Amino acid sequence: MELKKVTIGTLGSHSALQILKGAKDESFATLLITIPKHKSFYATFPFIDEIITIPAFSDFPAIEQELIKKQVILIPHGSYVAYLGFEKNKNMGVSYYGNKDVLDWEENRAKQREWLLSAGIAMPRQFELNEEIIYPVIVKSHGAAGGRGYFLAKDKIDLE
């Protein structure tokens, strides 16, 4: 693969703009894969050279060969597992920046927590749904919710 012909690509999400802006700043060609309803939004950014739309992110395998021909290197982010599923990520043939084994950690909140705690990083207390909450807590939904997966709960009733 000739470095001058490499294209940096990623899936459309909240992380895509940072990834592709950085790639363009480093003089790479850039490519975004998204669904039709988001194409017009991404088309407004001049650092995105090409946009490929697919009906749904689950249709990603249909464009794999096209990406390989274009010498695309995919840059993964947290939405990859949420959008494509764990097995599709592990089995894709497109060049991929990083180690696909990290997807095991991306998908599993318990593994993420274990990893951070073993590194000595302080983590907030976790509550079980059957526990009494005695002070306000911030609750984060699992998965890629584009920043909408958070809410404040004052007590157990707010969790239901």
N, C-alpha and C. Protein backbone atom coordinates (compact mmCIF):
# COMPACT_ATOMS: atom_id res chain seq x y z
N MET A 1 0.86 -1.18 0.00
CA MET A 1 0.00 0.00 0.00
C MET A 1 0.90 1.24 0.00
N GLU A 2 0.73 2.08 -0.98
CA GLU A 2 1.53 3.28 -1.09
C GLU A 2 0.93 4.38 -0.22
N LEU A 3 1.73 4.92 0.71
CA LEU A 3 1.24 5.88 1.69
C LEU A 3 0.57 7.10 1.05
N LYS A 4 1.09 7.56 -0.07
CA LYS A 4 0.51 8.75 -0.71
C LYS A 4 -0.89 8.51 -1.25
N LYS A 5 -1.26 7.25 -1.44
CA LYS A 5 -2.58 6.94 -1.99
C LYS A 5 -3.56 6.45 -0.93
N VAL A 6 -3.15 6.44 0.30
CA VAL A 6 -4.01 5.98 1.40
C VAL A 6 -5.10 7.01 1.66
N THR A 7 -6.29 6.52 1.93
CA THR A 7 -7.41 7.36 2.34
C THR A 7 -7.80 6.97 3.76
N ILE A 8 -7.98 7.95 4.61
CA ILE A 8 -8.42 7.70 5.98
C ILE A 8 -9.94 7.76 5.99
N GLY A 9 -10.57 6.70 6.50
CA GLY A 9 -12.02 6.64 6.54
C GLY A 9 -12.55 6.28 7.91
N THR A 10 -13.79 6.62 8.13
CA THR A 10 -14.46 6.26 9.38
C THR A 10 -15.97 6.31 9.18
N LEU A 11 -16.67 5.78 10.16
CA LEU A 11 -18.13 5.83 10.15
C LEU A 11 -18.60 7.17 10.69
N GLY A 12 -19.70 7.68 10.14
CA GLY A 12 -20.27 8.93 10.62
C GLY A 12 -20.76 8.79 12.05
N SER A 13 -20.26 9.65 12.92
CA SER A 13 -20.68 9.68 14.32
C SER A 13 -20.13 10.96 14.93
N HIS A 14 -20.32 11.11 16.22
CA HIS A 14 -19.81 12.30 16.89
C HIS A 14 -18.28 12.36 16.86
N SER A 15 -17.60 11.25 16.69
CA SER A 15 -16.13 11.22 16.64
C SER A 15 -15.57 11.43 15.24
N ALA A 16 -16.39 11.23 14.22
CA ALA A 16 -15.91 11.26 12.84
C ALA A 16 -15.29 12.60 12.45
N LEU A 17 -15.87 13.69 12.89
CA LEU A 17 -15.37 15.00 12.50
C LEU A 17 -13.96 15.23 13.02
N GLN A 18 -13.69 14.84 14.24
CA GLN A 18 -12.34 15.01 14.80
C GLN A 18 -11.33 14.14 14.06
N ILE A 19 -11.72 12.91 13.79
CA ILE A 19 -10.83 11.97 13.09
C ILE A 19 -10.48 12.50 11.70
N LEU A 20 -11.50 12.89 10.94
CA LEU A 20 -11.26 13.29 9.56
C LEU A 20 -10.60 14.66 9.45
N LYS A 21 -10.89 15.56 10.36
CA LYS A 21 -10.20 16.86 10.38
C LYS A 21 -8.72 16.64 10.63
N GLY A 22 -8.39 15.79 11.57
CA GLY A 22 -6.99 15.48 11.85
C GLY A 22 -6.29 14.83 10.67
N ALA A 23 -6.98 13.92 10.01
CA ALA A 23 -6.41 13.25 8.83
C ALA A 23 -6.15 14.25 7.71
N LYS A 24 -7.10 15.15 7.48
CA LYS A 24 -6.93 16.17 6.44
C LYS A 24 -5.78 17.11 6.81
N ASP A 25 -5.67 17.48 8.08
CA ASP A 25 -4.56 18.33 8.53
C ASP A 25 -3.20 17.68 8.26
N GLU A 26 -3.17 16.36 8.23
CA GLU A 26 -1.94 15.61 7.95
C GLU A 26 -1.81 15.25 6.47
N SER A 27 -2.65 15.87 5.64
CA SER A 27 -2.61 15.74 4.17
C SER A 27 -3.11 14.41 3.61
N PHE A 28 -3.91 13.68 4.37
CA PHE A 28 -4.52 12.46 3.85
C PHE A 28 -5.83 12.79 3.15
N ALA A 29 -6.18 11.97 2.17
CA ALA A 29 -7.53 12.01 1.61
C ALA A 29 -8.46 11.43 2.67
N THR A 30 -9.70 11.89 2.70
CA THR A 30 -10.63 11.45 3.75
C THR A 30 -11.93 10.93 3.15
N LEU A 31 -12.53 9.98 3.86
CA LEU A 31 -13.76 9.35 3.41
C LEU A 31 -14.64 9.06 4.62
N LEU A 32 -15.91 9.35 4.48
CA LEU A 32 -16.87 9.10 5.55
C LEU A 32 -17.94 8.15 5.05
N ILE A 33 -18.32 7.21 5.88
CA ILE A 33 -19.39 6.26 5.57
C ILE A 33 -20.56 6.61 6.49
N THR A 34 -21.71 6.88 5.89
CA THR A 34 -22.86 7.26 6.71
C THR A 34 -24.16 6.77 6.07
N ILE A 35 -25.24 7.06 6.75
CA ILE A 35 -26.56 6.71 6.24
C ILE A 35 -27.15 7.94 5.54
N PRO A 36 -28.09 7.75 4.62
CA PRO A 36 -28.60 8.87 3.80
C PRO A 36 -29.08 10.09 4.59
N LYS A 37 -29.76 9.89 5.70
CA LYS A 37 -30.32 11.05 6.41
C LYS A 37 -29.25 11.96 7.02
N HIS A 38 -28.01 11.50 7.13
CA HIS A 38 -26.94 12.32 7.70
C HIS A 38 -25.99 12.89 6.65
N LYS A 39 -26.15 12.49 5.40
CA LYS A 39 -25.21 12.90 4.35
C LYS A 39 -25.12 14.42 4.22
N SER A 40 -26.25 15.11 4.19
CA SER A 40 -26.23 16.56 3.98
C SER A 40 -25.49 17.28 5.11
N PHE A 41 -25.60 16.78 6.32
CA PHE A 41 -24.86 17.38 7.44
C PHE A 41 -23.36 17.26 7.21
N TYR A 42 -22.89 16.06 6.91
CA TYR A 42 -21.46 15.85 6.74
C TYR A 42 -20.92 16.54 5.49
N ALA A 43 -21.76 16.74 4.48
CA ALA A 43 -21.32 17.38 3.24
C ALA A 43 -20.93 18.84 3.45
N THR A 44 -21.28 19.43 4.57
CA THR A 44 -20.94 20.83 4.84
C THR A 44 -19.50 21.01 5.31
N PHE A 45 -18.80 19.92 5.60
CA PHE A 45 -17.44 20.01 6.12
C PHE A 45 -16.43 19.84 5.00
N PRO A 46 -15.63 20.88 4.73
CA PRO A 46 -14.71 20.84 3.59
C PRO A 46 -13.57 19.83 3.73
N PHE A 47 -13.30 19.35 4.90
CA PHE A 47 -12.21 18.39 5.09
C PHE A 47 -12.63 16.95 4.82
N ILE A 48 -13.89 16.72 4.48
CA ILE A 48 -14.35 15.39 4.09
C ILE A 48 -14.36 15.34 2.57
N ASP A 49 -13.45 14.56 2.00
CA ASP A 49 -13.31 14.50 0.54
C ASP A 49 -14.39 13.68 -0.14
N GLU A 50 -14.81 12.60 0.49
CA GLU A 50 -15.78 11.71 -0.13
C GLU A 50 -16.71 11.15 0.93
N ILE A 51 -17.97 11.03 0.56
CA ILE A 51 -18.98 10.45 1.45
C ILE A 51 -19.62 9.27 0.72
N ILE A 52 -19.61 8.13 1.37
CA ILE A 52 -20.31 6.95 0.85
C ILE A 52 -21.52 6.73 1.74
N THR A 53 -22.69 6.63 1.13
CA THR A 53 -23.89 6.35 1.92
C THR A 53 -24.29 4.89 1.72
N ILE A 54 -24.73 4.32 2.82
CA ILE A 54 -25.28 2.97 2.81
C ILE A 54 -26.64 3.04 3.50
N PRO A 55 -27.58 2.20 3.11
CA PRO A 55 -28.93 2.29 3.68
C PRO A 55 -28.96 2.21 5.21
N ALA A 56 -28.12 1.35 5.77
CA ALA A 56 -28.00 1.19 7.22
C ALA A 56 -26.57 0.77 7.51
N PHE A 57 -26.07 1.09 8.70
CA PHE A 57 -24.69 0.72 9.02
C PHE A 57 -24.48 -0.80 8.96
N SER A 58 -25.53 -1.54 9.17
CA SER A 58 -25.43 -3.00 9.08
C SER A 58 -25.11 -3.46 7.65
N ASP A 59 -25.26 -2.56 6.66
CA ASP A 59 -24.93 -2.88 5.27
C ASP A 59 -23.46 -2.65 4.94
N PHE A 60 -22.67 -2.34 5.93
CA PHE A 60 -21.25 -2.06 5.72
C PHE A 60 -20.53 -3.13 4.90
N PRO A 61 -20.75 -4.42 5.13
CA PRO A 61 -20.03 -5.43 4.34
C PRO A 61 -20.19 -5.27 2.83
N ALA A 62 -21.26 -4.66 2.38
CA ALA A 62 -21.50 -4.48 0.94
C ALA A 62 -20.49 -3.53 0.29
N ILE A 63 -19.84 -2.68 1.07
CA ILE A 63 -18.88 -1.73 0.50
C ILE A 63 -17.43 -2.07 0.84
N GLU A 64 -17.23 -3.18 1.50
CA GLU A 64 -15.87 -3.55 1.93
C GLU A 64 -14.88 -3.60 0.77
N GLN A 65 -15.24 -4.26 -0.32
CA GLN A 65 -14.31 -4.39 -1.46
C GLN A 65 -14.00 -3.02 -2.08
N GLU A 66 -15.00 -2.15 -2.13
CA GLU A 66 -14.78 -0.79 -2.64
C GLU A 66 -13.76 -0.05 -1.78
N LEU A 67 -13.87 -0.20 -0.47
CA LEU A 67 -12.93 0.46 0.45
C LEU A 67 -11.53 -0.11 0.30
N ILE A 68 -11.43 -1.40 0.11
CA ILE A 68 -10.11 -2.03 -0.09
C ILE A 68 -9.47 -1.50 -1.36
N LYS A 69 -10.23 -1.39 -2.45
CA LYS A 69 -9.71 -0.87 -3.72
C LYS A 69 -9.24 0.58 -3.58
N LYS A 70 -9.93 1.34 -2.77
CA LYS A 70 -9.57 2.75 -2.56
C LYS A 70 -8.43 2.92 -1.56
N GLN A 71 -7.90 1.82 -1.05
CA GLN A 71 -6.83 1.83 -0.04
C GLN A 71 -7.22 2.64 1.19
N VAL A 72 -8.41 2.37 1.67
CA VAL A 72 -8.92 3.04 2.87
C VAL A 72 -8.38 2.34 4.11
N ILE A 73 -7.92 3.14 5.04
CA ILE A 73 -7.59 2.65 6.38
C ILE A 73 -8.68 3.20 7.29
N LEU A 74 -9.44 2.32 7.90
CA LEU A 74 -10.51 2.74 8.80
C LEU A 74 -9.94 3.10 10.16
N ILE A 75 -10.43 4.19 10.71
CA ILE A 75 -10.08 4.59 12.07
C ILE A 75 -11.31 4.30 12.92
N PRO A 76 -11.21 3.34 13.84
CA PRO A 76 -12.37 2.97 14.64
C PRO A 76 -12.64 3.98 15.75
N HIS A 77 -13.85 3.97 16.23
CA HIS A 77 -14.24 4.76 17.40
C HIS A 77 -15.34 3.99 18.11
N GLY A 78 -15.83 4.52 19.20
CA GLY A 78 -16.78 3.80 20.04
C GLY A 78 -18.05 3.35 19.35
N SER A 79 -18.45 4.03 18.29
CA SER A 79 -19.69 3.68 17.62
C SER A 79 -19.57 2.45 16.72
N TYR A 80 -18.35 2.03 16.42
CA TYR A 80 -18.18 0.88 15.51
C TYR A 80 -18.90 -0.36 16.02
N VAL A 81 -18.71 -0.69 17.28
CA VAL A 81 -19.37 -1.89 17.81
C VAL A 81 -20.88 -1.67 17.86
N ALA A 82 -21.31 -0.47 18.26
CA ALA A 82 -22.74 -0.19 18.35
C ALA A 82 -23.40 -0.25 16.97
N TYR A 83 -22.74 0.28 15.95
CA TYR A 83 -23.33 0.34 14.62
C TYR A 83 -23.19 -0.95 13.82
N LEU A 84 -22.03 -1.59 13.93
CA LEU A 84 -21.74 -2.75 13.07
C LEU A 84 -21.84 -4.09 13.79
N GLY A 85 -21.78 -4.07 15.10
CA GLY A 85 -21.77 -5.33 15.84
C GLY A 85 -20.36 -5.85 16.00
N PHE A 86 -20.17 -6.60 17.03
CA PHE A 86 -18.86 -7.10 17.41
C PHE A 86 -18.26 -8.01 16.33
N GLU A 87 -19.01 -8.96 15.83
CA GLU A 87 -18.48 -9.93 14.86
C GLU A 87 -18.13 -9.29 13.52
N LYS A 88 -18.95 -8.36 13.03
CA LYS A 88 -18.64 -7.69 11.76
C LYS A 88 -17.33 -6.91 11.88
N ASN A 89 -17.12 -6.29 13.02
CA ASN A 89 -15.87 -5.56 13.25
C ASN A 89 -14.68 -6.49 13.23
N LYS A 90 -14.79 -7.59 13.95
CA LYS A 90 -13.68 -8.54 14.05
C LYS A 90 -13.34 -9.16 12.70
N ASN A 91 -14.34 -9.34 11.84
CA ASN A 91 -14.14 -10.07 10.59
C ASN A 91 -13.92 -9.19 9.36
N MET A 92 -13.97 -7.87 9.51
CA MET A 92 -13.83 -7.03 8.32
C MET A 92 -12.42 -7.15 7.73
N GLY A 93 -12.37 -7.09 6.40
CA GLY A 93 -11.10 -7.23 5.69
C GLY A 93 -10.44 -5.92 5.33
N VAL A 94 -11.10 -4.81 5.56
CA VAL A 94 -10.55 -3.49 5.27
C VAL A 94 -9.43 -3.21 6.26
N SER A 95 -8.37 -2.52 5.80
CA SER A 95 -7.30 -2.13 6.72
C SER A 95 -7.90 -1.31 7.85
N TYR A 96 -7.35 -1.50 9.01
CA TYR A 96 -7.97 -1.00 10.23
C TYR A 96 -6.86 -0.50 11.14
N TYR A 97 -6.96 0.71 11.62
CA TYR A 97 -5.92 1.25 12.49
C TYR A 97 -6.12 0.71 13.91
N GLY A 98 -5.13 0.05 14.42
CA GLY A 98 -5.20 -0.46 15.78
C GLY A 98 -5.41 -1.96 15.82
N ASN A 99 -5.64 -2.44 17.01
CA ASN A 99 -5.80 -3.86 17.27
C ASN A 99 -7.28 -4.16 17.46
N LYS A 100 -7.82 -5.06 16.66
CA LYS A 100 -9.25 -5.38 16.75
C LYS A 100 -9.62 -6.02 18.08
N ASP A 101 -8.64 -6.55 18.80
CA ASP A 101 -8.94 -7.15 20.11
C ASP A 101 -9.42 -6.10 21.11
N VAL A 102 -9.10 -4.82 20.87
CA VAL A 102 -9.57 -3.78 21.77
C VAL A 102 -11.09 -3.68 21.73
N LEU A 103 -11.71 -4.21 20.68
CA LEU A 103 -13.17 -4.20 20.58
C LEU A 103 -13.81 -5.01 21.70
N ASP A 104 -13.10 -6.03 22.19
CA ASP A 104 -13.59 -6.79 23.34
C ASP A 104 -13.83 -5.86 24.52
N TRP A 105 -12.93 -4.91 24.69
CA TRP A 105 -13.02 -3.96 25.80
C TRP A 105 -14.07 -2.89 25.51
N GLU A 106 -14.16 -2.47 24.26
CA GLU A 106 -15.13 -1.45 23.88
C GLU A 106 -16.56 -1.93 24.11
N GLU A 107 -16.79 -3.19 23.86
CA GLU A 107 -18.14 -3.74 23.95
C GLU A 107 -18.57 -4.06 25.39
N ASN A 108 -17.62 -4.28 26.28
CA ASN A 108 -17.93 -4.82 27.59
C ASN A 108 -17.61 -3.82 28.70
N ARG A 109 -18.65 -3.23 29.28
CA ARG A 109 -18.46 -2.23 30.34
C ARG A 109 -17.73 -2.79 31.56
N ALA A 110 -18.00 -4.03 31.90
CA ALA A 110 -17.32 -4.63 33.06
C ALA A 110 -15.82 -4.75 32.79
N LYS A 111 -15.44 -5.13 31.58
CA LYS A 111 -14.02 -5.22 31.23
C LYS A 111 -13.37 -3.83 31.25
N GLN A 112 -14.09 -2.83 30.74
CA GLN A 112 -13.55 -1.47 30.76
C GLN A 112 -13.27 -1.03 32.19
N ARG A 113 -14.22 -1.27 33.05
CA ARG A 113 -14.08 -0.87 34.45
C ARG A 113 -12.90 -1.60 35.11
N GLU A 114 -12.81 -2.90 34.86
CA GLU A 114 -11.72 -3.72 35.41
C GLU A 114 -10.36 -3.18 34.94
N TRP A 115 -10.28 -2.85 33.67
CA TRP A 115 -9.05 -2.33 33.07
C TRP A 115 -8.64 -1.01 33.74
N LEU A 116 -9.57 -0.10 33.90
CA LEU A 116 -9.28 1.19 34.51
C LEU A 116 -8.91 1.06 35.98
N LEU A 117 -9.66 0.24 36.71
CA LEU A 117 -9.36 0.03 38.13
C LEU A 117 -7.98 -0.62 38.31
N SER A 118 -7.64 -1.58 37.46
CA SER A 118 -6.33 -2.25 37.57
C SER A 118 -5.19 -1.28 37.27
N ALA A 119 -5.48 -0.20 36.55
CA ALA A 119 -4.48 0.83 36.26
C ALA A 119 -4.42 1.88 37.37
N GLY A 120 -5.24 1.71 38.41
CA GLY A 120 -5.23 2.64 39.53
C GLY A 120 -6.04 3.90 39.29
N ILE A 121 -6.92 3.88 38.32
CA ILE A 121 -7.75 5.05 38.01
C ILE A 121 -9.01 5.01 38.87
N ALA A 122 -9.27 6.11 39.57
CA ALA A 122 -10.46 6.18 40.42
C ALA A 122 -11.71 6.17 39.55
N MET A 123 -12.67 5.38 39.96
CA MET A 123 -13.92 5.24 39.21
C MET A 123 -15.10 5.56 40.13
N PRO A 124 -16.17 6.12 39.56
CA PRO A 124 -17.35 6.41 40.39
C PRO A 124 -18.02 5.11 40.85
N ARG A 125 -18.73 5.22 41.94
CA ARG A 125 -19.45 4.07 42.47
C ARG A 125 -20.52 3.64 41.47
N GLN A 126 -20.75 2.35 41.38
CA GLN A 126 -21.83 1.81 40.55
C GLN A 126 -22.97 1.39 41.46
N PHE A 127 -24.19 1.62 40.99
CA PHE A 127 -25.38 1.21 41.72
C PHE A 127 -26.09 0.09 40.97
N GLU A 128 -26.69 -0.79 41.70
CA GLU A 128 -27.58 -1.80 41.13
C GLU A 128 -28.99 -1.22 41.16
N LEU A 129 -29.85 -1.65 40.26
CA LEU A 129 -31.20 -1.11 40.20
C LEU A 129 -31.99 -1.35 41.49
N ASN A 130 -31.66 -2.39 42.22
CA ASN A 130 -32.42 -2.67 43.44
C ASN A 130 -31.89 -1.93 44.66
N GLU A 131 -30.82 -1.15 44.50
CA GLU A 131 -30.26 -0.41 45.63
C GLU A 131 -31.00 0.91 45.83
N GLU A 132 -31.00 1.37 47.06
CA GLU A 132 -31.57 2.68 47.38
C GLU A 132 -30.54 3.76 47.05
N ILE A 133 -30.96 4.78 46.34
CA ILE A 133 -30.06 5.89 46.01
C ILE A 133 -30.32 6.99 47.03
N ILE A 134 -29.26 7.41 47.71
CA ILE A 134 -29.42 8.39 48.79
C ILE A 134 -28.93 9.79 48.41
N TYR A 135 -28.42 9.93 47.19
CA TYR A 135 -28.00 11.24 46.70
C TYR A 135 -28.13 11.24 45.18
N PRO A 136 -28.18 12.40 44.54
CA PRO A 136 -28.33 12.44 43.08
C PRO A 136 -27.16 11.76 42.38
N VAL A 137 -27.47 11.03 41.31
CA VAL A 137 -26.44 10.35 40.52
C VAL A 137 -26.66 10.65 39.04
N ILE A 138 -25.59 10.59 38.28
CA ILE A 138 -25.67 10.73 36.82
C ILE A 138 -25.69 9.31 36.26
N VAL A 139 -26.69 9.03 35.44
CA VAL A 139 -26.84 7.71 34.84
C VAL A 139 -26.48 7.80 33.36
N LYS A 140 -25.65 6.87 32.92
CA LYS A 140 -25.30 6.82 31.50
C LYS A 140 -25.82 5.52 30.91
N SER A 141 -26.59 5.65 29.84
CA SER A 141 -27.06 4.47 29.13
C SER A 141 -25.90 3.82 28.40
N HIS A 142 -25.98 2.52 28.20
CA HIS A 142 -24.95 1.81 27.47
C HIS A 142 -25.10 2.07 25.97
N GLY A 143 -23.99 2.16 25.27
CA GLY A 143 -24.02 2.27 23.82
C GLY A 143 -23.88 3.70 23.33
N ALA A 144 -23.90 3.83 22.02
CA ALA A 144 -23.72 5.12 21.38
C ALA A 144 -25.06 5.83 21.29
N ALA A 145 -25.26 6.78 22.15
CA ALA A 145 -26.52 7.53 22.14
C ALA A 145 -26.28 8.98 21.74
N GLY A 146 -25.09 9.25 21.22
CA GLY A 146 -24.80 10.60 20.73
C GLY A 146 -24.96 11.68 21.78
N GLY A 147 -24.64 11.38 23.03
CA GLY A 147 -24.76 12.34 24.10
C GLY A 147 -26.14 12.42 24.72
N ARG A 148 -27.09 11.66 24.20
CA ARG A 148 -28.46 11.70 24.72
C ARG A 148 -28.70 10.62 25.76
N GLY A 149 -27.72 9.81 26.04
CA GLY A 149 -27.92 8.68 26.93
C GLY A 149 -27.63 8.96 28.39
N TYR A 150 -27.68 10.21 28.82
CA TYR A 150 -27.39 10.58 30.20
C TYR A 150 -28.62 11.19 30.85
N PHE A 151 -28.80 10.93 32.13
CA PHE A 151 -29.85 11.64 32.87
C PHE A 151 -29.49 11.65 34.35
N LEU A 152 -30.14 12.54 35.08
CA LEU A 152 -29.93 12.68 36.52
C LEU A 152 -31.04 11.95 37.25
N ALA A 153 -30.66 11.15 38.23
CA ALA A 153 -31.64 10.44 39.06
C ALA A 153 -31.43 10.86 40.51
N LYS A 154 -32.51 11.32 41.14
CA LYS A 154 -32.43 11.73 42.55
C LYS A 154 -32.70 10.57 43.50
N ASP A 155 -33.44 9.58 42.99
CA ASP A 155 -33.81 8.45 43.83
C ASP A 155 -34.16 7.25 42.94
N LYS A 156 -34.54 6.16 43.57
CA LYS A 156 -34.84 4.93 42.83
C LYS A 156 -36.02 5.11 41.87
N ILE A 157 -36.97 5.95 42.21
CA ILE A 157 -38.14 6.20 41.36
C ILE A 157 -37.71 6.79 40.02
N ASP A 158 -36.72 7.69 40.02
CA ASP A 158 -36.22 8.29 38.78
C ASP A 158 -35.60 7.26 37.84
N LEU A 159 -35.14 6.15 38.39
CA LEU A 159 -34.52 5.11 37.56
C LEU A 159 -35.54 4.25 36.84
N GLU A 160 -36.76 4.24 37.31
CA GLU A 160 -37.78 3.34 36.74
C GLU A 160 -38.46 3.91 35.53
